[in-house]
Amino acid sequence: MTRAEKLFNIRAQVAKAVSGIDHGDTYGACLALGDALSAVLEFLEEEMPEKVLPALHAEPTRPKVKK
């Protein structure tokens, strides 16, 4: 799959999610949004592995709250 096809797939999944929301199909919208986020992560892993992969394996941290 080419880079353009991957980007088109991401846009199509987001459009499907928006359409689901517009038509009251929240379940379908959530599935499409999940597919879109998965496609984005896959795209970023291929495009920028040096930035994405370390972040996926890092320990979660809590933001510091100012008082």
Foldseek 3Di string as FASTA:
>chain_A
DDPVVLVVLLVVLCVQLVVCVVVVNNVSNVVSVVVSVVSVLVSCCVVPVVPNVVVVPDDDDDDDDDD
